[in-house]
Amino acid sequence: MSLNNQLKDFLKYKKFPKTVIPLPSKFSQKPDEKHI
């Protein structure tokens, strides 16, 4: 179940990258390159 919750959280992050808490370090190693 926790995996499902993590997936849902990940989808939330993808939908609202600026509004939600920073992503786990996995995803934030190159935080701003996508937006430049």
PDB file of N, CA and C in Angstrom:
ATOM      1  N   MET A   1       0.832  -1.211   0.000  1.00  0.00           N
ATOM      2  CA  MET A   1       0.000   0.000   0.000  1.00  0.00           C
ATOM      3  C   MET A   1       0.864   1.258   0.000  1.00  0.00           C
ATOM      4  N   SER A   2       1.958   1.204   0.740  1.00  0.00           N
ATOM      5  CA  SER A   2       2.817   2.386   0.779  1.00  0.00           C
ATOM      6  C   SER A   2       3.368   2.703  -0.611  1.00  0.00           C
ATOM      7  N   LEU A   3       3.604   1.657  -1.403  1.00  0.00           N
ATOM      8  CA  LEU A   3       4.058   1.892  -2.777  1.00  0.00           C
ATOM      9  C   LEU A   3       3.004   2.666  -3.556  1.00  0.00           C
ATOM     10  N   ASN A   4       1.754   2.284  -3.385  1.00  0.00           N
ATOM     11  CA  ASN A   4       0.670   3.002  -4.055  1.00  0.00           C
ATOM     12  C   ASN A   4       0.658   4.458  -3.626  1.00  0.00           C
ATOM     13  N   ASN A   5       0.832   4.688  -2.330  1.00  0.00           N
ATOM     14  CA  ASN A   5       0.831   6.059  -1.840  1.00  0.00           C
ATOM     15  C   ASN A   5       1.984   6.846  -2.450  1.00  0.00           C
ATOM     16  N   GLN A   6       3.142   6.207  -2.555  1.00  0.00           N
ATOM     17  CA  GLN A   6       4.288   6.891  -3.149  1.00  0.00           C
ATOM     18  C   GLN A   6       4.009   7.237  -4.604  1.00  0.00           C
ATOM     19  N   LEU A   7       3.369   6.313  -5.313  1.00  0.00           N
ATOM     20  CA  LEU A   7       3.022   6.579  -6.710  1.00  0.00           C
ATOM     21  C   LEU A   7       2.082   7.766  -6.808  1.00  0.00           C
ATOM     22  N   LYS A   8       1.075   7.784  -5.947  1.00  0.00           N
ATOM     23  CA  LYS A   8       0.114   8.891  -5.973  1.00  0.00           C
ATOM     24  C   LYS A   8       0.818  10.205  -5.676  1.00  0.00           C
ATOM     25  N   ASP A   9       1.715  10.187  -4.685  1.00  0.00           N
ATOM     26  CA  ASP A   9       2.464  11.393  -4.359  1.00  0.00           C
ATOM     27  C   ASP A   9       3.304  11.831  -5.549  1.00  0.00           C
ATOM     28  N   PHE A  10       3.930  10.869  -6.206  1.00  0.00           N
ATOM     29  CA  PHE A  10       4.754  11.201  -7.371  1.00  0.00           C
ATOM     30  C   PHE A  10       3.904  11.856  -8.452  1.00  0.00           C
ATOM     31  N   LEU A  11       2.714  11.318  -8.689  1.00  0.00           N
ATOM     32  CA  LEU A  11       1.819  11.914  -9.685  1.00  0.00           C
ATOM     33  C   LEU A  11       1.440  13.322  -9.268  1.00  0.00           C
ATOM     34  N   LYS A  12       1.190  13.515  -7.985  1.00  0.00           N
ATOM     35  CA  LYS A  12       0.869  14.860  -7.490  1.00  0.00           C
ATOM     36  C   LYS A  12       2.032  15.796  -7.789  1.00  0.00           C
ATOM     37  N   TYR A  13       3.252  15.336  -7.497  1.00  0.00           N
ATOM     38  CA  TYR A  13       4.431  16.164  -7.747  1.00  0.00           C
ATOM     39  C   TYR A  13       4.540  16.515  -9.224  1.00  0.00           C
ATOM     40  N   LYS A  14       4.273  15.536 -10.081  1.00  0.00           N
ATOM     41  CA  LYS A  14       4.372  15.791 -11.522  1.00  0.00           C
ATOM     42  C   LYS A  14       3.334  16.815 -11.952  1.00  0.00           C
ATOM     43  N   LYS A  15       2.150  16.758 -11.315  1.00  0.00           N
ATOM     44  CA  LYS A  15       1.098  17.695 -11.701  1.00  0.00           C
ATOM     45  C   LYS A  15       1.382  19.094 -11.163  1.00  0.00           C
ATOM     46  N   PHE A  16       1.918  19.158  -9.941  1.00  0.00           N
ATOM     47  CA  PHE A  16       2.130  20.459  -9.298  1.00  0.00           C
ATOM     48  C   PHE A  16       3.572  20.589  -8.814  1.00  0.00           C
ATOM     49  N   PRO A  17       4.522  20.623  -9.729  1.00  0.00           N
ATOM     50  CA  PRO A  17       5.934  20.607  -9.319  1.00  0.00           C
ATOM     51  C   PRO A  17       6.325  21.824  -8.497  1.00  0.00           C
ATOM     52  N   LYS A  18       5.679  22.977  -8.775  1.00  0.00           N
ATOM     53  CA  LYS A  18       6.055  24.207  -8.076  1.00  0.00           C
ATOM     54  C   LYS A  18       5.318  24.360  -6.751  1.00  0.00           C
ATOM     55  N   THR A  19       4.133  23.739  -6.643  1.00  0.00           N
ATOM     56  CA  THR A  19       3.292  24.003  -5.480  1.00  0.00           C
ATOM     57  C   THR A  19       3.563  23.045  -4.330  1.00  0.00           C
ATOM     58  N   VAL A  20       4.066  21.861  -4.653  1.00  0.00           N
ATOM     59  CA  VAL A  20       4.236  20.844  -3.613  1.00  0.00           C
ATOM     60  C   VAL A  20       5.651  20.901  -3.057  1.00  0.00           C
ATOM     61  N   ILE A  21       5.863  20.220  -1.949  1.00  0.00           N
ATOM     62  CA  ILE A  21       7.175  20.158  -1.318  1.00  0.00           C
ATOM     63  C   ILE A  21       8.197  19.643  -2.339  1.00  0.00           C
ATOM     64  N   PRO A  22       9.453  20.028  -2.214  1.00  0.00           N
ATOM     65  CA  PRO A  22      10.475  19.570  -3.157  1.00  0.00           C
ATOM     66  C   PRO A  22      10.490  18.047  -3.283  1.00  0.00           C
ATOM     67  N   LEU A  23      10.833  17.594  -4.471  1.00  0.00           N
ATOM     68  CA  LEU A  23      10.843  16.152  -4.724  1.00  0.00           C
ATOM     69  C   LEU A  23      11.941  15.469  -3.916  1.00  0.00           C
ATOM     70  N   PRO A  24      11.802  14.163  -3.733  1.00  0.00           N
ATOM     71  CA  PRO A  24      12.884  13.390  -3.112  1.00  0.00           C
ATOM     72  C   PRO A  24      14.205  13.596  -3.863  1.00  0.00           C
ATOM     73  N   SER A  25      15.315  13.378  -3.181  1.00  0.00           N
ATOM     74  CA  SER A  25      16.619  13.689  -3.777  1.00  0.00           C
ATOM     75  C   SER A  25      16.823  12.990  -5.107  1.00  0.00           C
ATOM     76  N   LYS A  26      16.223  11.831  -5.276  1.00  0.00           N
ATOM     77  CA  LYS A  26      16.300  11.123  -6.560  1.00  0.00           C
ATOM     78  C   LYS A  26      15.974  12.056  -7.717  1.00  0.00           C
ATOM     79  N   PHE A  27      14.866  12.790  -7.547  1.00  0.00           N
ATOM     80  CA  PHE A  27      14.321  13.556  -8.661  1.00  0.00           C
ATOM     81  C   PHE A  27      14.867  14.980  -8.677  1.00  0.00           C
ATOM     82  N   SER A  28      15.513  15.401  -7.590  1.00  0.00           N
ATOM     83  CA  SER A  28      15.928  16.799  -7.508  1.00  0.00           C
ATOM     84  C   SER A  28      17.434  16.967  -7.680  1.00  0.00           C
ATOM     85  N   GLN A  29      18.102  15.943  -8.200  1.00  0.00           N
ATOM     86  CA  GLN A  29      19.537  16.072  -8.418  1.00  0.00           C
ATOM     87  C   GLN A  29      19.823  17.176  -9.443  1.00  0.00           C
ATOM     88  N   LYS A  30      18.964  17.280 -10.466  1.00  0.00           N
ATOM     89  CA  LYS A  30      19.096  18.363 -11.442  1.00  0.00           C
ATOM     90  C   LYS A  30      17.791  19.155 -11.436  1.00  0.00           C
ATOM     91  N   PRO A  31      17.583  19.979 -10.426  1.00  0.00           N
ATOM     92  CA  PRO A  31      16.259  20.548 -10.172  1.00  0.00           C
ATOM     93  C   PRO A  31      15.762  21.501 -11.244  1.00  0.00           C
ATOM     94  N   ASP A  32      16.626  22.408 -11.716  1.00  0.00           N
ATOM     95  CA  ASP A  32      16.108  23.502 -12.540  1.00  0.00           C
ATOM     96  C   ASP A  32      16.444  23.363 -14.020  1.00  0.00           C
ATOM     97  N   GLU A  33      17.227  22.386 -14.372  1.00  0.00           N
ATOM     98  CA  GLU A  33      17.631  22.275 -15.777  1.00  0.00           C
ATOM     99  C   GLU A  33      16.422  22.137 -16.703  1.00  0.00           C
ATOM    100  N   LYS A  34      15.386  21.445 -16.220  1.00  0.00           N
ATOM    101  CA  LYS A  34      14.216  21.247 -17.072  1.00  0.00           C
ATOM    102  C   LYS A  34      13.509  22.562 -17.366  1.00  0.00           C
ATOM    103  N   HIS A  35      13.601  23.507 -16.428  1.00  0.00           N
ATOM    104  CA  HIS A  35      12.822  24.739 -16.556  1.00  0.00           C
ATOM    105  C   HIS A  35      13.586  25.830 -17.293  1.00  0.00           C
ATOM    106  N   ILE A  36      14.899  25.643 -17.429  1.00  0.00           N
ATOM    107  CA  ILE A  36      15.700  26.696 -18.090  1.00  0.00           C
ATOM    108  C   ILE A  36      15.437  26.693 -19.591  1.00  0.00           C
TER     109      ILE A  36
END
